[in-house]
Protein backbone atom coordinates (compact mmCIF):
# COMPACT_ATOMS: atom_id res chain seq x y z
CA MET A 1 40.96 -39.91 -15.51
CA PHE A 2 37.91 -38.52 -13.77
CA ASN A 3 38.51 -37.13 -10.29
CA HIS A 4 35.53 -38.56 -8.39
CA LYS A 5 36.16 -36.45 -5.26
CA LYS A 6 36.36 -33.27 -7.31
CA ILE A 7 33.11 -34.06 -9.12
CA VAL A 8 31.31 -34.74 -5.82
CA SER A 9 32.76 -31.59 -4.29
CA THR A 10 31.64 -29.51 -7.26
CA ALA A 11 28.16 -31.00 -7.13
CA CYS A 12 27.87 -30.27 -3.40
CA ALA A 13 28.98 -26.70 -3.97
CA ALA A 14 26.33 -26.25 -6.66
CA ILE A 15 23.63 -27.63 -4.38
CA PHE A 16 24.75 -25.34 -1.55
CA ALA A 17 24.71 -22.32 -3.86
CA ALA A 18 21.20 -23.16 -5.06
CA THR A 19 20.01 -23.58 -1.48
CA ALA A 20 21.57 -20.28 -0.50
CA SER A 21 19.85 -18.48 -3.39
CA VAL A 22 16.50 -19.89 -2.26
CA ALA A 23 17.13 -18.57 1.25
CA VAL A 24 17.92 -15.10 -0.09
CA ALA A 25 14.65 -15.12 -2.03
CA GLU A 26 12.50 -15.46 1.09
CA PRO A 27 9.70 -12.87 1.41
CA VAL A 28 10.58 -9.66 3.25
CA THR A 29 8.13 -7.78 5.47
CA TYR A 30 8.14 -3.98 5.28
CA GLN A 31 6.48 -1.92 8.00
CA ALA A 32 5.03 1.39 6.83
CA ASP A 33 7.02 4.41 7.97
CA PRO A 34 4.29 6.50 9.68
CA THR A 35 6.12 9.76 8.95
CA HIS A 36 6.22 9.08 5.20
CA THR A 37 3.07 7.05 4.57
CA PHE A 38 -0.11 9.01 3.88
CA ALA A 39 -3.42 8.63 2.07
CA HIS A 40 -4.86 11.51 0.06
CA PHE A 41 -8.14 12.06 -1.77
CA SER A 42 -9.29 14.59 -4.34
CA TYR A 43 -12.59 15.43 -6.04
CA ASP A 44 -14.33 18.05 -8.17
CA HIS A 45 -16.14 20.67 -6.09
CA MET A 46 -19.12 22.00 -8.09
CA GLY A 47 -16.91 22.57 -11.10
CA LEU A 48 -15.17 25.41 -9.28
CA SER A 49 -11.98 23.66 -8.22
CA ARG A 50 -10.26 20.36 -7.61
CA GLN A 51 -10.12 19.86 -3.84
CA SER A 52 -7.40 17.75 -2.18
CA SER A 53 -7.27 16.51 1.41
CA SER A 54 -5.38 13.87 3.36
CA PHE A 55 -5.46 11.52 6.32
CA GLU A 56 -2.71 12.10 8.86
CA ASN A 57 -2.63 8.55 10.26
CA THR A 58 -2.08 5.77 7.75
CA SER A 59 -0.45 2.45 8.66
CA GLY A 60 0.37 -0.65 6.69
CA VAL A 61 2.41 -3.80 6.21
CA LEU A 62 3.83 -5.06 2.91
CA THR A 63 5.20 -8.57 2.48
CA LEU A 64 7.05 -8.92 -0.79
CA ASP A 65 9.00 -11.65 -2.55
CA LEU A 66 10.75 -9.94 -5.43
CA GLU A 67 12.17 -13.19 -6.78
CA GLU A 68 8.83 -15.01 -6.89
CA GLN A 69 6.95 -11.79 -7.74
CA THR A 70 4.33 -12.32 -5.08
CA GLY A 71 3.28 -10.33 -2.08
CA ASP A 72 0.62 -9.06 0.26
CA LEU A 73 -0.31 -5.52 1.27
CA GLN A 74 -2.53 -4.37 4.12
CA VAL A 75 -3.28 -0.70 4.73
CA GLU A 76 -5.38 0.92 7.44
CA ILE A 77 -6.50 4.56 7.26
CA ASP A 78 -7.71 6.38 10.36
CA LEU A 79 -10.65 8.35 8.98
CA ARG A 80 -10.74 10.44 12.15
CA SER A 81 -7.41 11.93 11.09
CA VAL A 82 -8.88 13.60 8.00
CA ASN A 83 -7.23 16.93 7.29
CA THR A 84 -8.96 19.33 4.90
CA GLY A 85 -7.25 22.42 6.24
CA ALA A 86 -10.36 23.52 8.16
CA GLN A 87 -11.44 21.92 11.45
CA ILE A 88 -15.12 22.62 10.82
CA PHE A 89 -14.92 20.67 7.55
CA ASN A 90 -12.92 17.87 9.21
CA ASP A 91 -15.76 17.45 11.71
CA HIS A 92 -18.34 17.65 8.90
CA LEU A 93 -16.73 14.80 6.96
CA GLN A 94 -16.70 12.59 10.04
CA GLY A 95 -20.48 12.81 10.36
CA GLU A 96 -23.05 10.16 9.39
CA GLU A 97 -23.58 11.59 5.89
CA PHE A 98 -19.94 11.04 5.02
CA PHE A 99 -17.41 8.80 6.83
CA ASP A 100 -19.51 8.17 9.96
CA THR A 101 -16.35 7.73 12.03
CA GLU A 102 -18.27 7.06 15.23
CA ASN A 103 -19.32 3.70 13.79
CA HIS A 104 -16.60 3.23 11.16
CA PRO A 105 -13.38 4.88 12.37
CA THR A 106 -11.09 3.23 9.82
CA ALA A 107 -10.93 2.31 6.16
CA THR A 108 -8.89 -0.71 5.09
CA PHE A 109 -7.31 -2.10 1.96
CA GLU A 110 -6.28 -5.76 1.66
CA SER A 111 -4.53 -6.91 -1.48
CA THR A 112 -5.51 -10.01 -3.42
CA LYS A 113 -2.77 -9.77 -6.06
CA ILE A 114 0.34 -7.73 -6.79
CA ILE A 115 1.00 -7.35 -10.51
CA PHE A 116 4.58 -7.13 -11.80
CA ASP A 117 6.07 -5.85 -15.04
CA GLY A 118 9.55 -7.25 -15.23
CA ASP A 119 11.20 -6.91 -11.82
CA ALA A 120 8.94 -4.18 -10.45
CA PRO A 121 5.36 -4.14 -9.15
CA VAL A 122 3.08 -1.91 -11.23
CA ALA A 123 -0.36 -2.47 -9.70
CA VAL A 124 -2.07 -3.90 -6.63
CA GLU A 125 -5.51 -5.48 -6.80
CA GLY A 126 -7.53 -5.84 -3.64
CA GLU A 127 -10.53 -5.01 -1.48
CA LEU A 128 -11.20 -1.53 -0.14
CA THR A 129 -13.58 -1.23 2.81
CA ILE A 130 -15.18 2.07 3.81
CA LYS A 131 -18.19 2.36 6.18
CA GLY A 132 -18.33 -1.43 6.34
CA ILE A 133 -18.81 -1.70 2.55
CA THR A 134 -16.20 -3.60 0.54
CA GLN A 135 -15.46 -3.04 -3.13
CA GLU A 136 -12.76 -4.43 -5.42
CA VAL A 137 -10.29 -1.78 -6.59
CA THR A 138 -6.93 -1.63 -8.34
CA PHE A 139 -4.19 0.76 -7.28
CA GLU A 140 -1.90 1.69 -10.16
CA LEU A 141 1.70 2.46 -9.21
CA ASP A 142 3.17 5.52 -10.88
CA HIS A 143 6.38 5.27 -8.86
CA TYR A 144 8.28 2.39 -7.23
CA GLN A 145 11.75 2.26 -5.71
CA TYR A 146 13.71 -0.36 -3.76
CA VAL A 147 16.99 0.37 -1.97
CA ASP A 148 19.30 -2.09 -0.25
CA GLU A 149 19.94 0.37 2.57
CA HIS A 150 17.85 3.25 3.80
CA PRO A 151 20.26 6.21 4.15
CA MET A 152 19.20 6.86 7.76
CA LEU A 153 17.77 3.59 9.09
CA LYS A 154 20.40 1.33 7.43
CA ARG A 155 17.87 -1.29 6.38
CA PRO A 156 16.35 -2.27 3.04
CA ALA A 157 13.43 0.00 2.14
CA ILE A 158 10.67 0.28 -0.43
CA GLY A 159 8.81 3.35 -1.62
CA ALA A 160 5.82 3.72 -3.91
CA ASN A 161 3.03 6.03 -5.00
CA ALA A 162 -0.26 4.43 -5.98
CA THR A 163 -3.61 5.77 -7.21
CA THR A 164 -7.13 4.48 -7.72
CA THR A 165 -10.50 6.06 -8.53
CA ILE A 166 -13.69 5.11 -6.71
CA LYS A 167 -17.32 6.19 -6.74
CA ARG A 168 -18.37 7.36 -3.30
CA THR A 169 -21.98 6.36 -3.95
CA GLU A 170 -20.76 2.75 -3.90
CA PHE A 171 -19.68 3.27 -0.29
CA ASP A 172 -22.88 5.01 0.89
CA ILE A 173 -21.27 8.46 0.77
CA ASP A 174 -23.60 10.14 -1.71
CA LYS A 175 -24.16 13.55 -0.13
CA TYR A 176 -24.25 16.38 -2.72
CA VAL A 177 -23.78 14.11 -5.75
CA PRO A 178 -23.53 15.19 -8.57
CA ALA A 179 -22.75 18.81 -7.61
CA VAL A 180 -19.76 17.42 -5.76
CA SER A 181 -18.31 14.68 -7.94
CA ASP A 182 -19.16 11.05 -7.34
CA GLU A 183 -15.68 10.05 -8.51
CA VAL A 184 -12.93 10.44 -5.94
CA VAL A 185 -9.25 9.83 -6.61
CA ILE A 186 -7.44 8.11 -3.75
CA SER A 187 -3.66 8.18 -3.73
CA VAL A 188 -1.26 6.62 -1.24
CA SER A 189 2.36 7.56 -0.62
CA PHE A 190 4.02 4.52 0.95
CA GLU A 191 7.47 4.01 2.41
CA GLY A 192 8.22 0.68 4.07
CA ILE A 193 11.20 -0.37 6.16
CA ALA A 194 12.33 -4.02 6.17
CA GLN A 195 11.79 -5.78 9.49
CA ASP A 196 14.02 -8.34 11.17
CA ASN A 197 12.50 -11.79 11.59
CA ASP A 198 12.07 -11.30 15.33
CA GLU A 199 10.17 -8.03 14.69
CA GLU A 200 7.53 -9.56 12.43
C-alpha cells in the first residue's frame, strides 16, 4: 500500500531543496580590491615603441549571478592618477588636449551585458565614457577565476583580466594622430571580494 505520509514528506523535502537551491543562486556583489584592480593603456609611439601606462586609482563593483548567467559591472577610473613613469608627462596627459581632468576627472564603464561561454563569463559589453563622451565597447576576458574562499580575506572572490581597443579620436583626444596611434588598447586587471548583504 502507498504510504501517504511518506509521499507528502518526500514532496515537501523536494520543494524545500528546490527553494534552497534558488536561494543559493542569488546574485553576489563583489567590491573591487583597490590594491589589485588597475586600468592600463598602451599605444604605438611614432613607430618607435609600444608605450604602456596605468591609472593608480581604479574602483568598481560587480554583481554576478553565476547560475542565471547575468550580471552588472561598473568601473570608475581616476584619470588624475595616470602614471606614465614621468611626472611631466603625467601632467601633460591631464591637460585639455588629452584627458582634461580639470573638467573630466574620471572615466567610467557601465556594462549592458555580460556574455558567458558555459559557466564562465568571456566578455562584457557596455558604455565607456571619457571626457563626457560615451561609446559602446566590448571588453574581452582573457582570464577569469572564481574561488570559494580568498586565501587571506576568507570570502568568495573573483578575478579577471579584460581588454578592449578604442580610437581616441572618438573621445576628442586626437592630439598627434596619426604619428601617435589613434588606436589605444585598454586593459583592466580586476579582483573582487564578495560582500555581505549588510555591506552592499
